[in-house]
N, C-alpha and C. Protein backbone atom coordinates (compact mmCIF):
# COMPACT_ATOMS: atom_id res chain seq x y z
N MET A 1 -28.71 80.60 -16.06
CA MET A 1 -27.40 79.97 -16.16
C MET A 1 -27.36 79.24 -17.49
N SER A 2 -26.22 79.31 -18.26
CA SER A 2 -26.11 78.69 -19.59
C SER A 2 -26.17 77.17 -19.40
N GLU A 3 -26.58 76.50 -20.48
CA GLU A 3 -26.71 75.04 -20.46
C GLU A 3 -25.35 74.44 -20.47
N GLU A 4 -24.26 74.96 -20.93
CA GLU A 4 -22.88 74.44 -20.97
C GLU A 4 -22.39 74.19 -19.52
N ARG A 5 -22.79 74.93 -18.62
CA ARG A 5 -22.25 74.84 -17.26
C ARG A 5 -23.07 73.93 -16.42
N GLN A 6 -24.14 73.41 -16.95
CA GLN A 6 -25.02 72.46 -16.11
C GLN A 6 -24.55 71.06 -16.38
N GLY A 7 -24.54 70.20 -15.29
CA GLY A 7 -24.18 68.73 -15.35
C GLY A 7 -25.27 67.93 -16.07
N ALA A 8 -25.08 66.66 -16.08
CA ALA A 8 -26.01 65.74 -16.77
C ALA A 8 -27.40 65.77 -16.10
N GLY A 9 -27.47 65.93 -14.75
CA GLY A 9 -28.78 66.00 -14.04
C GLY A 9 -29.27 67.31 -13.94
N GLY A 10 -28.66 68.39 -14.51
CA GLY A 10 -29.15 69.74 -14.47
C GLY A 10 -28.45 70.54 -13.37
N GLU A 11 -27.66 69.91 -12.49
CA GLU A 11 -27.04 70.65 -11.45
C GLU A 11 -25.71 71.29 -11.94
N VAL A 12 -25.37 72.32 -11.28
CA VAL A 12 -24.14 73.07 -11.70
C VAL A 12 -22.94 72.38 -11.06
N PRO A 13 -21.96 72.02 -11.96
CA PRO A 13 -20.71 71.35 -11.46
C PRO A 13 -19.96 72.26 -10.49
N ARG A 14 -19.40 71.67 -9.44
CA ARG A 14 -18.59 72.43 -8.59
C ARG A 14 -17.14 72.43 -9.01
N PRO A 15 -16.37 73.44 -8.67
CA PRO A 15 -14.93 73.39 -9.07
C PRO A 15 -14.18 72.16 -8.53
N ALA A 16 -14.63 71.61 -7.36
CA ALA A 16 -13.90 70.45 -6.87
C ALA A 16 -14.19 69.27 -7.76
N ASP A 17 -15.27 69.15 -8.40
CA ASP A 17 -15.46 68.07 -9.40
C ASP A 17 -14.49 68.04 -10.48
N GLY A 18 -14.15 69.24 -10.96
CA GLY A 18 -13.09 69.26 -12.13
C GLY A 18 -11.75 68.95 -11.64
N ARG A 19 -11.39 69.30 -10.37
CA ARG A 19 -10.17 68.94 -9.81
C ARG A 19 -10.10 67.41 -9.47
N PHE A 20 -11.17 66.87 -9.11
CA PHE A 20 -11.20 65.39 -8.84
C PHE A 20 -11.00 64.58 -10.08
N GLU A 21 -11.76 65.08 -11.09
CA GLU A 21 -11.62 64.40 -12.49
C GLU A 21 -10.29 64.54 -12.98
N MET A 22 -9.63 65.63 -12.79
CA MET A 22 -8.26 65.77 -13.26
C MET A 22 -7.34 64.87 -12.55
N LEU A 23 -7.53 64.75 -11.17
CA LEU A 23 -6.77 63.87 -10.42
C LEU A 23 -6.92 62.45 -10.87
N LEU A 24 -8.24 62.06 -11.21
CA LEU A 24 -8.45 60.70 -11.65
C LEU A 24 -7.79 60.45 -13.10
N SER A 25 -7.82 61.52 -13.87
CA SER A 25 -7.11 61.30 -15.21
C SER A 25 -5.64 61.10 -15.13
N TRP A 26 -4.99 61.85 -14.06
CA TRP A 26 -3.57 61.80 -13.88
C TRP A 26 -3.26 60.43 -13.15
N SER A 27 -4.16 59.93 -12.44
CA SER A 27 -3.88 58.60 -11.73
C SER A 27 -3.63 57.51 -12.65
N GLY A 28 -4.03 57.73 -13.89
CA GLY A 28 -3.71 56.56 -14.91
C GLY A 28 -2.17 56.46 -15.05
N LEU A 29 -1.39 57.46 -14.69
CA LEU A 29 0.07 57.36 -14.81
C LEU A 29 0.58 56.44 -13.82
N LEU A 30 -0.19 56.07 -12.75
CA LEU A 30 0.22 55.06 -11.78
C LEU A 30 0.67 53.81 -12.50
N VAL A 31 0.03 53.53 -13.60
CA VAL A 31 0.28 52.33 -14.29
C VAL A 31 1.70 52.31 -14.71
N LEU A 32 2.37 53.46 -14.82
CA LEU A 32 3.85 53.45 -15.20
C LEU A 32 4.74 52.56 -14.19
N VAL A 33 4.26 52.42 -12.95
CA VAL A 33 4.97 51.55 -12.05
C VAL A 33 5.01 50.14 -12.53
N PRO A 34 3.85 49.48 -12.75
CA PRO A 34 4.07 48.07 -13.21
C PRO A 34 4.67 48.05 -14.66
N VAL A 35 4.44 49.04 -15.40
CA VAL A 35 5.05 48.97 -16.85
C VAL A 35 6.60 48.96 -16.72
N VAL A 36 7.10 49.81 -15.80
CA VAL A 36 8.53 49.89 -15.64
C VAL A 36 9.04 48.61 -14.96
N VAL A 37 8.43 48.24 -13.98
CA VAL A 37 8.89 47.03 -13.22
C VAL A 37 8.84 45.72 -14.10
N LEU A 38 7.74 45.59 -14.90
CA LEU A 38 7.63 44.44 -15.83
C LEU A 38 8.77 44.54 -16.88
N LEU A 39 9.04 45.72 -17.30
CA LEU A 39 10.17 45.94 -18.35
C LEU A 39 11.46 45.57 -17.72
N LEU A 40 11.65 46.09 -16.51
CA LEU A 40 12.99 45.72 -15.84
C LEU A 40 13.15 44.21 -15.58
N ALA A 41 11.95 43.66 -15.17
CA ALA A 41 12.00 42.09 -14.92
C ALA A 41 12.20 41.39 -16.15
N ALA A 42 11.64 41.84 -17.34
CA ALA A 42 11.84 41.20 -18.67
C ALA A 42 13.36 41.28 -18.98
N LEU A 43 13.87 42.48 -18.76
CA LEU A 43 15.31 42.60 -19.07
C LEU A 43 16.15 41.71 -18.17
N GLY A 44 15.75 41.65 -17.00
CA GLY A 44 16.50 40.75 -15.98
C GLY A 44 16.44 39.26 -16.51
N ALA A 45 15.26 38.85 -16.92
CA ALA A 45 15.13 37.47 -17.39
C ALA A 45 15.90 37.16 -18.66
N PHE A 46 15.94 38.21 -19.58
CA PHE A 46 16.71 38.03 -20.81
C PHE A 46 18.23 37.94 -20.48
N VAL A 47 18.72 38.88 -19.58
CA VAL A 47 20.07 38.88 -19.28
C VAL A 47 20.53 37.62 -18.49
N TYR A 48 19.62 37.09 -17.56
CA TYR A 48 19.87 35.98 -16.96
C TYR A 48 19.94 34.76 -17.80
N GLY A 49 18.99 34.66 -18.74
CA GLY A 49 18.96 33.65 -19.65
C GLY A 49 20.18 33.60 -20.55
N ALA A 50 20.59 34.86 -20.99
CA ALA A 50 21.87 34.82 -21.81
C ALA A 50 23.04 34.41 -21.08
N ALA A 51 23.11 34.92 -19.77
CA ALA A 51 24.32 34.51 -18.89
C ALA A 51 24.26 32.98 -18.66
N LEU A 52 23.07 32.35 -18.41
CA LEU A 52 22.99 30.99 -18.20
C LEU A 52 23.44 30.20 -19.57
N PHE A 53 22.96 30.67 -20.61
CA PHE A 53 23.37 30.08 -21.91
C PHE A 53 24.92 30.09 -22.10
N VAL A 54 25.52 31.19 -21.88
CA VAL A 54 26.93 31.27 -21.97
C VAL A 54 27.66 30.28 -21.09
N ARG A 55 27.14 30.37 -19.82
CA ARG A 55 27.76 29.35 -18.79
C ARG A 55 27.57 27.89 -19.25
N SER A 56 26.40 27.57 -19.66
CA SER A 56 26.04 26.19 -20.13
C SER A 56 26.88 25.89 -21.34
N LEU A 57 27.07 26.79 -22.20
CA LEU A 57 27.81 26.50 -23.40
C LEU A 57 29.21 26.21 -23.12
N VAL A 58 29.89 26.99 -22.21
CA VAL A 58 31.12 26.75 -21.79
C VAL A 58 31.32 25.42 -21.18
N ASP A 59 30.34 25.02 -20.22
CA ASP A 59 30.41 23.70 -19.55
C ASP A 59 30.27 22.50 -20.56
N VAL A 60 29.37 22.70 -21.70
CA VAL A 60 29.20 21.67 -22.68
C VAL A 60 30.48 21.65 -23.52
N VAL A 61 31.15 22.65 -23.89
CA VAL A 61 32.36 22.61 -24.72
C VAL A 61 33.42 21.92 -23.97
N GLN A 62 33.54 22.28 -22.64
CA GLN A 62 34.65 21.72 -21.86
C GLN A 62 34.44 20.23 -21.53
N HIS A 63 33.09 19.81 -21.37
CA HIS A 63 32.72 18.42 -20.91
C HIS A 63 31.58 18.02 -21.84
N PRO A 64 31.81 17.70 -23.10
CA PRO A 64 30.68 17.43 -23.97
C PRO A 64 29.85 16.21 -23.70
N PHE A 65 30.48 15.28 -22.92
CA PHE A 65 29.74 13.96 -22.66
C PHE A 65 29.75 13.72 -21.19
N PRO A 66 28.89 13.05 -20.65
CA PRO A 66 27.57 12.67 -21.19
C PRO A 66 26.60 13.90 -21.28
N VAL A 67 25.61 13.83 -22.22
CA VAL A 67 24.76 14.89 -22.40
C VAL A 67 23.80 15.08 -21.28
N GLY A 68 23.24 14.00 -20.78
CA GLY A 68 22.37 14.05 -19.57
C GLY A 68 21.64 15.34 -19.33
N ASN A 69 21.87 15.95 -18.15
CA ASN A 69 20.99 16.96 -17.85
C ASN A 69 21.43 18.39 -18.46
N ARG A 70 22.32 18.42 -19.37
CA ARG A 70 22.71 19.66 -20.04
C ARG A 70 21.63 20.07 -20.96
N ILE A 71 20.79 19.06 -21.51
CA ILE A 71 19.76 19.45 -22.37
C ILE A 71 18.67 20.31 -21.49
N GLY A 72 18.57 19.91 -20.33
CA GLY A 72 17.60 20.63 -19.32
C GLY A 72 18.06 22.10 -19.09
N LEU A 73 19.34 22.23 -19.11
CA LEU A 73 19.91 23.65 -18.95
C LEU A 73 19.56 24.49 -20.08
N PHE A 74 19.60 23.97 -21.28
CA PHE A 74 19.20 24.73 -22.41
C PHE A 74 17.69 25.00 -22.49
N LEU A 75 16.82 24.10 -21.92
CA LEU A 75 15.41 24.26 -21.87
C LEU A 75 15.15 25.37 -20.84
N LEU A 76 15.91 25.38 -19.75
CA LEU A 76 15.82 26.44 -18.85
C LEU A 76 16.07 27.78 -19.43
N VAL A 77 17.03 27.88 -20.25
CA VAL A 77 17.28 29.14 -20.92
C VAL A 77 16.05 29.55 -21.77
N VAL A 78 15.43 28.59 -22.58
CA VAL A 78 14.22 28.95 -23.34
C VAL A 78 13.07 29.27 -22.41
N ASP A 79 13.00 28.65 -21.21
CA ASP A 79 12.01 29.08 -20.22
C ASP A 79 12.24 30.48 -19.82
N LEU A 80 13.44 30.94 -19.48
CA LEU A 80 13.73 32.27 -19.00
C LEU A 80 13.49 33.31 -20.15
N PHE A 81 13.71 32.98 -21.41
CA PHE A 81 13.37 33.82 -22.40
C PHE A 81 11.92 34.08 -22.56
N LEU A 82 11.14 32.83 -22.40
CA LEU A 82 9.78 32.98 -22.56
C LEU A 82 9.11 33.70 -21.40
N ILE A 83 9.68 33.58 -20.29
CA ILE A 83 9.15 34.36 -19.08
C ILE A 83 9.40 35.79 -19.28
N GLY A 84 10.63 36.11 -19.82
CA GLY A 84 10.96 37.57 -20.08
C GLY A 84 10.04 38.14 -21.20
N ALA A 85 9.74 37.29 -22.21
CA ALA A 85 8.84 37.77 -23.29
C ALA A 85 7.42 37.97 -22.71
N THR A 86 7.03 37.13 -21.73
CA THR A 86 5.69 37.34 -21.06
C THR A 86 5.62 38.62 -20.33
N MET A 87 6.61 38.94 -19.61
CA MET A 87 6.68 40.10 -18.91
C MET A 87 6.71 41.40 -19.76
N LEU A 88 7.48 41.27 -20.86
CA LEU A 88 7.54 42.29 -21.89
C LEU A 88 6.11 42.57 -22.54
N ILE A 89 5.41 41.41 -22.81
CA ILE A 89 4.12 41.62 -23.36
C ILE A 89 3.11 42.21 -22.37
N ALA A 90 3.33 41.83 -21.14
CA ALA A 90 2.41 42.41 -20.00
C ALA A 90 2.71 43.94 -19.92
N SER A 91 3.96 44.33 -20.01
CA SER A 91 4.38 45.70 -19.83
C SER A 91 3.86 46.51 -20.93
N VAL A 92 4.04 46.02 -22.24
CA VAL A 92 3.49 46.74 -23.38
C VAL A 92 1.96 46.83 -23.27
N GLY A 93 1.38 45.71 -22.85
CA GLY A 93 -0.09 45.74 -22.68
C GLY A 93 -0.64 46.78 -21.71
N PHE A 94 -0.05 46.86 -20.59
CA PHE A 94 -0.47 47.93 -19.54
C PHE A 94 -0.27 49.22 -20.13
N TYR A 95 0.83 49.45 -20.85
CA TYR A 95 1.14 50.75 -21.41
C TYR A 95 0.07 51.07 -22.49
N GLU A 96 -0.20 50.16 -23.28
CA GLU A 96 -1.20 50.41 -24.47
C GLU A 96 -2.64 50.66 -23.85
N LEU A 97 -3.00 49.91 -22.82
CA LEU A 97 -4.36 49.96 -22.33
C LEU A 97 -4.51 51.22 -21.48
N PHE A 98 -3.51 51.65 -20.76
CA PHE A 98 -3.83 52.73 -19.74
C PHE A 98 -3.15 54.09 -20.11
N ILE A 99 -2.22 54.06 -20.96
CA ILE A 99 -1.36 55.26 -21.10
C ILE A 99 -1.59 55.75 -22.69
N GLY A 100 -1.10 54.95 -23.56
CA GLY A 100 -1.25 55.36 -24.98
C GLY A 100 -0.70 54.29 -25.87
N ARG A 101 -0.96 54.42 -27.19
CA ARG A 101 -0.42 53.53 -28.19
C ARG A 101 1.11 53.68 -28.31
N VAL A 102 1.66 52.48 -28.48
CA VAL A 102 3.09 52.44 -28.82
C VAL A 102 3.36 52.56 -30.26
N GLY A 103 4.22 53.50 -30.67
CA GLY A 103 4.69 53.60 -32.04
C GLY A 103 3.64 54.30 -32.96
N THR A 104 2.83 55.17 -32.42
CA THR A 104 1.80 55.78 -33.31
C THR A 104 2.15 57.25 -33.60
N ALA A 105 3.21 57.67 -33.16
CA ALA A 105 3.58 59.18 -33.23
C ALA A 105 4.36 59.40 -34.57
N GLY A 106 3.97 58.80 -35.57
CA GLY A 106 4.62 58.96 -36.94
C GLY A 106 5.98 58.27 -37.16
N ARG A 107 6.23 57.33 -36.19
CA ARG A 107 7.42 56.53 -36.27
C ARG A 107 7.19 55.39 -37.20
N ASP A 108 8.39 54.90 -37.80
CA ASP A 108 8.32 53.74 -38.74
C ASP A 108 8.13 52.42 -37.91
N ARG A 109 8.65 52.54 -36.70
CA ARG A 109 8.65 51.25 -35.87
C ARG A 109 7.41 51.14 -35.11
N ARG A 110 6.52 50.22 -35.42
CA ARG A 110 5.28 49.99 -34.69
C ARG A 110 5.26 48.58 -34.12
N LEU A 111 4.35 48.41 -33.26
CA LEU A 111 4.12 47.04 -32.64
C LEU A 111 3.57 46.14 -33.74
N PRO A 112 3.92 44.90 -33.69
CA PRO A 112 3.11 43.94 -34.59
C PRO A 112 1.68 43.84 -34.15
N ASP A 113 0.81 43.56 -35.16
CA ASP A 113 -0.60 43.54 -34.84
C ASP A 113 -0.97 42.72 -33.76
N TRP A 114 -0.37 41.53 -33.52
CA TRP A 114 -0.77 40.69 -32.52
C TRP A 114 -0.33 41.17 -31.09
N LEU A 115 0.37 42.21 -31.06
CA LEU A 115 0.81 42.77 -29.75
C LEU A 115 0.00 44.02 -29.42
N VAL A 116 -0.82 44.43 -30.30
CA VAL A 116 -1.63 45.72 -30.07
C VAL A 116 -2.81 45.25 -29.11
N MET A 117 -2.97 45.87 -28.03
CA MET A 117 -3.97 45.51 -27.04
C MET A 117 -5.12 46.55 -27.17
N ARG A 118 -6.44 46.05 -27.42
CA ARG A 118 -7.53 46.88 -27.51
C ARG A 118 -8.28 46.85 -26.22
N ASP A 119 -8.20 45.82 -25.41
CA ASP A 119 -8.97 45.76 -24.13
C ASP A 119 -8.10 44.74 -23.23
N LEU A 120 -8.61 44.66 -21.92
CA LEU A 120 -8.00 43.86 -20.98
C LEU A 120 -8.04 42.41 -21.39
N ASN A 121 -9.05 41.98 -22.14
CA ASN A 121 -9.16 40.64 -22.53
C ASN A 121 -8.05 40.33 -23.54
N ASP A 122 -7.65 41.13 -24.35
CA ASP A 122 -6.47 40.97 -25.28
C ASP A 122 -5.24 40.57 -24.39
N LEU A 123 -5.01 41.49 -23.42
CA LEU A 123 -3.87 41.25 -22.60
C LEU A 123 -3.96 39.97 -21.81
N LYS A 124 -5.12 39.64 -21.30
CA LYS A 124 -5.23 38.39 -20.65
C LYS A 124 -5.01 37.13 -21.44
N VAL A 125 -5.53 37.19 -22.71
CA VAL A 125 -5.37 36.01 -23.61
C VAL A 125 -3.88 35.83 -23.96
N ARG A 126 -3.25 36.91 -24.20
CA ARG A 126 -1.72 36.85 -24.64
C ARG A 126 -0.90 36.40 -23.40
N VAL A 127 -1.16 36.84 -22.21
CA VAL A 127 -0.31 36.43 -21.03
C VAL A 127 -0.71 34.97 -20.76
N ILE A 128 -1.91 34.61 -20.74
CA ILE A 128 -2.22 33.12 -20.44
C ILE A 128 -1.61 32.29 -21.60
N GLY A 129 -1.67 32.65 -22.76
CA GLY A 129 -1.00 31.88 -23.83
C GLY A 129 0.49 31.61 -23.53
N MET A 130 1.16 32.79 -23.14
CA MET A 130 2.55 32.50 -22.78
C MET A 130 2.73 31.65 -21.56
N ILE A 131 1.87 31.81 -20.60
CA ILE A 131 1.90 30.95 -19.40
C ILE A 131 1.84 29.45 -19.80
N VAL A 132 0.88 29.16 -20.61
CA VAL A 132 0.74 27.78 -21.19
C VAL A 132 2.03 27.35 -21.79
N LEU A 133 2.61 28.19 -22.62
CA LEU A 133 3.91 27.78 -23.30
C LEU A 133 5.01 27.56 -22.37
N VAL A 134 5.16 28.43 -21.27
CA VAL A 134 6.12 28.25 -20.18
C VAL A 134 5.92 27.03 -19.53
N ALA A 135 4.62 26.74 -19.22
CA ALA A 135 4.36 25.47 -18.48
C ALA A 135 4.70 24.18 -19.29
N SER A 136 4.50 24.29 -20.61
CA SER A 136 4.81 23.18 -21.48
C SER A 136 6.34 22.92 -21.51
N VAL A 137 7.09 24.08 -21.65
CA VAL A 137 8.55 23.89 -21.65
C VAL A 137 9.07 23.40 -20.27
N SER A 138 8.49 23.86 -19.22
CA SER A 138 8.85 23.40 -17.94
C SER A 138 8.52 21.84 -17.80
N PHE A 139 7.39 21.37 -18.34
CA PHE A 139 7.15 19.97 -18.33
C PHE A 139 8.15 19.24 -19.06
N VAL A 140 8.58 19.70 -20.26
CA VAL A 140 9.60 18.97 -21.06
C VAL A 140 10.93 18.89 -20.22
N GLU A 141 11.29 20.02 -19.53
CA GLU A 141 12.44 19.98 -18.71
C GLU A 141 12.40 18.78 -17.69
N VAL A 142 11.21 18.58 -17.08
CA VAL A 142 11.00 17.50 -16.10
C VAL A 142 11.14 16.18 -16.82
N VAL A 143 10.59 16.07 -18.02
CA VAL A 143 10.66 14.85 -18.75
C VAL A 143 12.18 14.51 -19.11
N VAL A 144 12.89 15.42 -19.52
CA VAL A 144 14.29 15.21 -19.78
C VAL A 144 15.14 14.86 -18.45
N ASP A 145 14.91 15.55 -17.42
CA ASP A 145 15.72 15.30 -16.19
C ASP A 145 15.15 14.22 -15.21
N ALA A 146 13.91 13.69 -15.49
CA ALA A 146 13.28 12.87 -14.55
C ALA A 146 14.01 11.51 -14.41
N SER A 147 14.06 11.06 -13.22
CA SER A 147 14.67 9.76 -12.97
C SER A 147 13.65 8.62 -12.80
N ARG A 148 12.35 9.00 -12.74
CA ARG A 148 11.34 8.01 -12.61
C ARG A 148 10.16 8.40 -13.30
N GLY A 149 9.35 7.41 -13.82
CA GLY A 149 8.13 7.72 -14.65
C GLY A 149 7.11 8.27 -13.84
N ALA A 150 6.92 8.06 -12.57
CA ALA A 150 5.82 8.66 -11.77
C ALA A 150 5.97 10.11 -11.70
N GLU A 151 7.18 10.59 -11.62
CA GLU A 151 7.46 12.01 -11.50
C GLU A 151 6.90 12.73 -12.76
N VAL A 152 7.23 12.15 -13.95
CA VAL A 152 6.71 12.72 -15.19
C VAL A 152 5.23 12.61 -15.31
N LEU A 153 4.64 11.52 -14.90
CA LEU A 153 3.16 11.39 -14.80
C LEU A 153 2.53 12.42 -13.86
N GLU A 154 3.02 12.58 -12.79
CA GLU A 154 2.56 13.56 -11.79
C GLU A 154 2.55 15.03 -12.24
N THR A 155 3.87 15.34 -12.78
CA THR A 155 3.92 16.74 -13.30
C THR A 155 3.20 16.90 -14.54
N GLY A 156 3.05 15.93 -15.45
CA GLY A 156 2.25 16.04 -16.62
C GLY A 156 0.71 16.23 -16.26
N ALA A 157 0.24 15.45 -15.29
CA ALA A 157 -1.17 15.61 -14.95
C ALA A 157 -1.46 17.08 -14.32
N GLY A 158 -0.51 17.47 -13.48
CA GLY A 158 -0.68 18.70 -12.88
C GLY A 158 -0.55 19.88 -13.95
N THR A 159 0.32 19.66 -14.86
CA THR A 159 0.49 20.76 -16.02
C THR A 159 -0.81 20.75 -16.81
N ALA A 160 -1.31 19.58 -17.09
CA ALA A 160 -2.53 19.36 -18.01
C ALA A 160 -3.78 20.07 -17.29
N VAL A 161 -3.89 19.91 -15.92
CA VAL A 161 -4.96 20.56 -15.12
C VAL A 161 -4.86 22.02 -15.31
N VAL A 162 -3.67 22.51 -15.10
CA VAL A 162 -3.51 24.01 -15.19
C VAL A 162 -3.78 24.55 -16.61
N VAL A 163 -3.27 23.81 -17.51
CA VAL A 163 -3.49 24.24 -18.98
C VAL A 163 -4.95 24.24 -19.27
N LEU A 164 -5.70 23.28 -18.83
CA LEU A 164 -7.15 23.11 -19.09
C LEU A 164 -7.85 24.21 -18.41
N ALA A 165 -7.49 24.51 -17.17
CA ALA A 165 -8.22 25.52 -16.42
C ALA A 165 -7.92 26.96 -17.13
N LEU A 166 -6.78 27.19 -17.50
CA LEU A 166 -6.48 28.47 -18.18
C LEU A 166 -7.19 28.58 -19.45
N THR A 167 -7.18 27.46 -20.18
CA THR A 167 -8.00 27.43 -21.57
C THR A 167 -9.53 27.71 -21.36
N ALA A 168 -10.03 27.07 -20.25
CA ALA A 168 -11.45 27.26 -19.93
C ALA A 168 -11.69 28.79 -19.53
N PHE A 169 -10.78 29.30 -18.76
CA PHE A 169 -10.85 30.61 -18.34
C PHE A 169 -10.91 31.58 -19.54
N VAL A 170 -9.96 31.44 -20.47
CA VAL A 170 -9.90 32.27 -21.55
C VAL A 170 -11.21 32.06 -22.43
N ARG A 171 -11.69 30.84 -22.60
CA ARG A 171 -12.78 30.62 -23.40
C ARG A 171 -14.11 31.18 -22.83
N PHE A 172 -14.29 30.95 -21.62
CA PHE A 172 -15.60 31.38 -20.90
C PHE A 172 -15.63 32.53 -20.18
N ALA A 173 -14.50 33.26 -19.83
CA ALA A 173 -14.53 34.41 -18.96
C ALA A 173 -15.18 35.58 -19.71
N GLY A 174 -14.97 35.70 -20.96
CA GLY A 174 -15.53 37.02 -21.58
C GLY A 174 -16.91 36.76 -22.25
N GLN A 175 -17.63 35.68 -22.02
CA GLN A 175 -18.83 35.33 -22.69
C GLN A 175 -20.00 36.20 -22.13
N GLY A 176 -19.95 36.76 -20.97
CA GLY A 176 -21.06 37.61 -20.39
C GLY A 176 -20.91 39.05 -20.96
N HIS A 177 -19.89 39.29 -21.66
CA HIS A 177 -19.58 40.68 -22.05
C HIS A 177 -19.55 40.82 -23.57
N GLY A 178 -20.12 39.86 -24.36
CA GLY A 178 -20.24 39.91 -25.73
C GLY A 178 -18.85 39.58 -26.45
N GLU A 179 -17.93 39.00 -25.61
CA GLU A 179 -16.64 38.61 -26.24
C GLU A 179 -16.66 37.23 -26.48
N ARG A 180 -15.77 36.78 -27.38
CA ARG A 180 -15.60 35.30 -27.76
C ARG A 180 -14.65 34.65 -26.87
């Protein structure tokens, strides 16, 4: 029997092995489910944020004073856009990691370098960075709308603990794999 037909251990591969490997390679397309869902969720967050912005703008123009909690509405719009961007980044990351590169088929439009995902750690770092940003904006919303200082202190402490935990996770999670 020729050497090309022998497996790594010297055994002859069975036809079922080839079909199973083909099934495994096609199973990568299952990742299209979260890619599409995250893309639609990002679109929903962007549309909802835009609609909230228009509604808030109309309210502010009709009743400009007192400013009060209207600032919180605009911070909520920023929050929605950041959440949409996080979902978009995750969608692109899943696609890049499991299906193929975006914009490499001779097109002029490519992803920015910071959005190119080389491994799961890249995706993790970007999504966690966006979560920290969303948590920070959410904390500022609480500061703007808070009626008492204890609420700000409690929320600030909770946000700080989450941010520190996520920062530690990003910093130390990849150390056993030769990552920084």
